[in-house]
Amino acid sequence: MKLKHKMALFAVYFILFIALTAMVDYYAYDLISPWIFIGFSFISAIAATCIHAKTHQKSKVDELAKDIEEIL
């Protein structure tokens, strides 16, 4: 797997986790610092990218990552 593809996978997962945690932060009425959610999203995206790269299974995320690769 190329580095460019891994970076695109990371971007897809990071955007996904940021969107999900932003909704949680919204409903938590800003009681929790947004930096905690950003850090959680970053770590989760790294973990998801590593797991995805190790399993070598094609999914919809690969199609989205390919679209991002074409943009880059």
N, C-alpha and C. Protein backbone atom coordinates (compact mmCIF):
# COMPACT_ATOMS: atom_id res chain seq x y z
N MET A 1 0.84 -1.17 0.00
CA MET A 1 0.00 0.00 0.00
C MET A 1 0.89 1.24 0.00
N LYS A 2 0.58 2.17 -0.87
CA LYS A 2 1.39 3.38 -1.01
C LYS A 2 1.12 4.36 0.14
N LEU A 3 2.11 5.18 0.37
CA LEU A 3 2.00 6.19 1.44
C LEU A 3 0.87 7.17 1.12
N LYS A 4 0.73 7.53 -0.15
CA LYS A 4 -0.33 8.46 -0.54
C LYS A 4 -1.71 7.89 -0.23
N HIS A 5 -1.87 6.59 -0.45
CA HIS A 5 -3.14 5.95 -0.15
C HIS A 5 -3.38 5.90 1.36
N LYS A 6 -2.34 5.65 2.13
CA LYS A 6 -2.49 5.64 3.59
C LYS A 6 -2.86 7.02 4.11
N MET A 7 -2.27 8.06 3.53
CA MET A 7 -2.60 9.42 3.94
C MET A 7 -4.06 9.74 3.61
N ALA A 8 -4.52 9.28 2.45
CA ALA A 8 -5.91 9.50 2.06
C ALA A 8 -6.85 8.73 2.98
N LEU A 9 -6.49 7.50 3.34
CA LEU A 9 -7.29 6.73 4.29
C LEU A 9 -7.38 7.45 5.63
N PHE A 10 -6.24 7.97 6.10
CA PHE A 10 -6.21 8.71 7.36
C PHE A 10 -7.15 9.91 7.27
N ALA A 11 -7.12 10.62 6.15
CA ALA A 11 -7.98 11.80 5.99
C ALA A 11 -9.46 11.41 6.06
N VAL A 12 -9.82 10.33 5.40
CA VAL A 12 -11.22 9.87 5.42
C VAL A 12 -11.64 9.52 6.84
N TYR A 13 -10.82 8.73 7.52
CA TYR A 13 -11.16 8.34 8.89
C TYR A 13 -11.18 9.53 9.84
N PHE A 14 -10.23 10.45 9.68
CA PHE A 14 -10.18 11.61 10.56
C PHE A 14 -11.42 12.49 10.38
N ILE A 15 -11.82 12.71 9.14
CA ILE A 15 -13.02 13.50 8.89
C ILE A 15 -14.25 12.82 9.47
N LEU A 16 -14.31 11.51 9.33
CA LEU A 16 -15.43 10.75 9.90
C LEU A 16 -15.49 10.90 11.42
N PHE A 17 -14.36 10.69 12.08
CA PHE A 17 -14.34 10.78 13.54
C PHE A 17 -14.58 12.21 14.03
N ILE A 18 -14.05 13.20 13.30
CA ILE A 18 -14.30 14.60 13.69
C ILE A 18 -15.79 14.91 13.59
N ALA A 19 -16.43 14.45 12.52
CA ALA A 19 -17.87 14.72 12.37
C ALA A 19 -18.67 14.06 13.49
N LEU A 20 -18.32 12.83 13.82
CA LEU A 20 -19.05 12.13 14.89
C LEU A 20 -18.83 12.78 16.25
N THR A 21 -17.58 13.11 16.55
CA THR A 21 -17.31 13.71 17.86
C THR A 21 -17.81 15.15 17.93
N ALA A 22 -17.93 15.83 16.80
CA ALA A 22 -18.50 17.18 16.82
C ALA A 22 -19.96 17.13 17.23
N MET A 23 -20.66 16.10 16.77
CA MET A 23 -22.06 15.95 17.19
C MET A 23 -22.16 15.65 18.68
N VAL A 24 -21.26 14.82 19.17
CA VAL A 24 -21.25 14.52 20.61
C VAL A 24 -20.94 15.78 21.40
N ASP A 25 -19.99 16.56 20.92
CA ASP A 25 -19.62 17.80 21.60
C ASP A 25 -20.79 18.79 21.59
N TYR A 26 -21.51 18.83 20.49
CA TYR A 26 -22.66 19.73 20.40
C TYR A 26 -23.72 19.37 21.44
N TYR A 27 -24.00 18.08 21.54
CA TYR A 27 -25.02 17.66 22.50
C TYR A 27 -24.52 17.63 23.93
N ALA A 28 -23.23 17.71 24.12
CA ALA A 28 -22.68 17.79 25.48
C ALA A 28 -22.67 19.24 25.97
N TYR A 29 -23.20 20.16 25.13
CA TYR A 29 -23.31 21.57 25.49
C TYR A 29 -21.97 22.18 25.89
N ASP A 30 -20.94 21.80 25.18
CA ASP A 30 -19.60 22.36 25.39
C ASP A 30 -19.09 22.19 26.82
N LEU A 31 -19.53 21.14 27.49
CA LEU A 31 -19.02 20.88 28.84
C LEU A 31 -17.61 20.28 28.79
N ILE A 32 -17.32 19.62 27.67
CA ILE A 32 -16.01 18.98 27.50
C ILE A 32 -15.24 19.78 26.47
N SER A 33 -13.96 19.96 26.70
CA SER A 33 -13.12 20.72 25.79
C SER A 33 -13.10 20.09 24.40
N PRO A 34 -13.23 20.90 23.35
CA PRO A 34 -13.18 20.35 21.99
C PRO A 34 -11.83 19.71 21.65
N TRP A 35 -10.79 20.14 22.33
CA TRP A 35 -9.45 19.57 22.06
C TRP A 35 -9.39 18.09 22.44
N ILE A 36 -10.18 17.70 23.42
CA ILE A 36 -10.25 16.28 23.78
C ILE A 36 -10.84 15.48 22.64
N PHE A 37 -11.89 16.02 22.02
CA PHE A 37 -12.51 15.34 20.89
C PHE A 37 -11.59 15.30 19.67
N ILE A 38 -10.86 16.37 19.45
CA ILE A 38 -9.91 16.40 18.33
C ILE A 38 -8.80 15.38 18.55
N GLY A 39 -8.27 15.33 19.77
CA GLY A 39 -7.24 14.34 20.09
C GLY A 39 -7.74 12.92 19.96
N PHE A 40 -8.95 12.68 20.46
CA PHE A 40 -9.56 11.36 20.33
C PHE A 40 -9.75 10.99 18.87
N SER A 41 -10.19 11.93 18.07
CA SER A 41 -10.39 11.68 16.64
C SER A 41 -9.08 11.37 15.94
N PHE A 42 -8.03 12.09 16.30
CA PHE A 42 -6.72 11.88 15.69
C PHE A 42 -6.19 10.49 16.02
N ILE A 43 -6.25 10.12 17.28
CA ILE A 43 -5.76 8.80 17.70
C ILE A 43 -6.61 7.69 17.10
N SER A 44 -7.92 7.89 17.07
CA SER A 44 -8.81 6.88 16.47
C SER A 44 -8.56 6.73 14.98
N ALA A 45 -8.30 7.83 14.29
CA ALA A 45 -8.02 7.77 12.85
C ALA A 45 -6.71 7.04 12.58
N ILE A 46 -5.71 7.26 13.41
CA ILE A 46 -4.44 6.54 13.25
C ILE A 46 -4.66 5.04 13.45
N ALA A 47 -5.40 4.69 14.49
CA ALA A 47 -5.67 3.28 14.77
C ALA A 47 -6.47 2.64 13.64
N ALA A 48 -7.50 3.32 13.16
CA ALA A 48 -8.33 2.77 12.08
C ALA A 48 -7.53 2.61 10.80
N THR A 49 -6.65 3.56 10.52
CA THR A 49 -5.81 3.47 9.33
C THR A 49 -4.85 2.29 9.43
N CYS A 50 -4.24 2.11 10.58
CA CYS A 50 -3.32 0.97 10.77
C CYS A 50 -4.05 -0.36 10.64
N ILE A 51 -5.20 -0.47 11.25
CA ILE A 51 -5.98 -1.72 11.16
C ILE A 51 -6.41 -1.98 9.72
N HIS A 52 -6.86 -0.94 9.04
CA HIS A 52 -7.28 -1.08 7.65
C HIS A 52 -6.11 -1.50 6.76
N ALA A 53 -4.94 -0.90 6.98
CA ALA A 53 -3.77 -1.23 6.16
C ALA A 53 -3.31 -2.67 6.41
N LYS A 54 -3.45 -3.16 7.63
CA LYS A 54 -3.01 -4.53 7.94
C LYS A 54 -3.96 -5.59 7.38
N THR A 55 -5.25 -5.29 7.33
CA THR A 55 -6.21 -6.30 6.88
C THR A 55 -6.28 -6.44 5.37
N HIS A 56 -5.93 -5.40 4.63
CA HIS A 56 -5.91 -5.42 3.16
C HIS A 56 -7.26 -5.80 2.57
N GLN A 57 -8.35 -5.38 3.17
CA GLN A 57 -9.69 -5.65 2.63
C GLN A 57 -10.20 -4.38 1.95
N LYS A 58 -10.72 -4.55 0.76
CA LYS A 58 -11.27 -3.41 0.02
C LYS A 58 -12.64 -3.06 0.59
N SER A 59 -12.90 -1.77 0.71
CA SER A 59 -14.18 -1.31 1.22
C SER A 59 -14.51 0.04 0.58
N LYS A 60 -15.62 0.61 0.99
CA LYS A 60 -16.03 1.92 0.48
C LYS A 60 -15.02 3.00 0.85
N VAL A 61 -14.34 2.82 1.94
CA VAL A 61 -13.33 3.79 2.37
C VAL A 61 -12.20 3.87 1.34
N ASP A 62 -11.85 2.74 0.74
CA ASP A 62 -10.81 2.74 -0.29
C ASP A 62 -11.23 3.55 -1.50
N GLU A 63 -12.51 3.48 -1.85
CA GLU A 63 -13.01 4.27 -2.97
C GLU A 63 -12.95 5.76 -2.65
N LEU A 64 -13.32 6.12 -1.44
CA LEU A 64 -13.24 7.52 -1.03
C LEU A 64 -11.79 7.99 -0.99
N ALA A 65 -10.89 7.14 -0.50
CA ALA A 65 -9.47 7.48 -0.44
C ALA A 65 -8.90 7.65 -1.86
N LYS A 66 -9.36 6.83 -2.79
CA LYS A 66 -8.89 6.96 -4.17
C LYS A 66 -9.30 8.31 -4.75
N ASP A 67 -10.52 8.74 -4.44
CA ASP A 67 -10.96 10.06 -4.90
C ASP A 67 -10.10 11.17 -4.30
N ILE A 68 -9.74 11.03 -3.04
CA ILE A 68 -8.87 12.03 -2.40
C ILE A 68 -7.47 12.00 -3.03
N GLU A 69 -6.97 10.80 -3.33
CA GLU A 69 -5.66 10.69 -3.99
C GLU A 69 -5.65 11.43 -5.32
N GLU A 70 -6.72 11.34 -6.07
CA GLU A 70 -6.80 12.02 -7.37
C GLU A 70 -6.76 13.55 -7.20
N ILE A 71 -7.33 14.02 -6.09
CA ILE A 71 -7.30 15.45 -5.82
C ILE A 71 -5.89 15.91 -5.47
N LEU A 72 -5.19 15.09 -4.69
CA LEU A 72 -3.83 15.44 -4.28
C LEU A 72 -2.90 15.28 -5.44
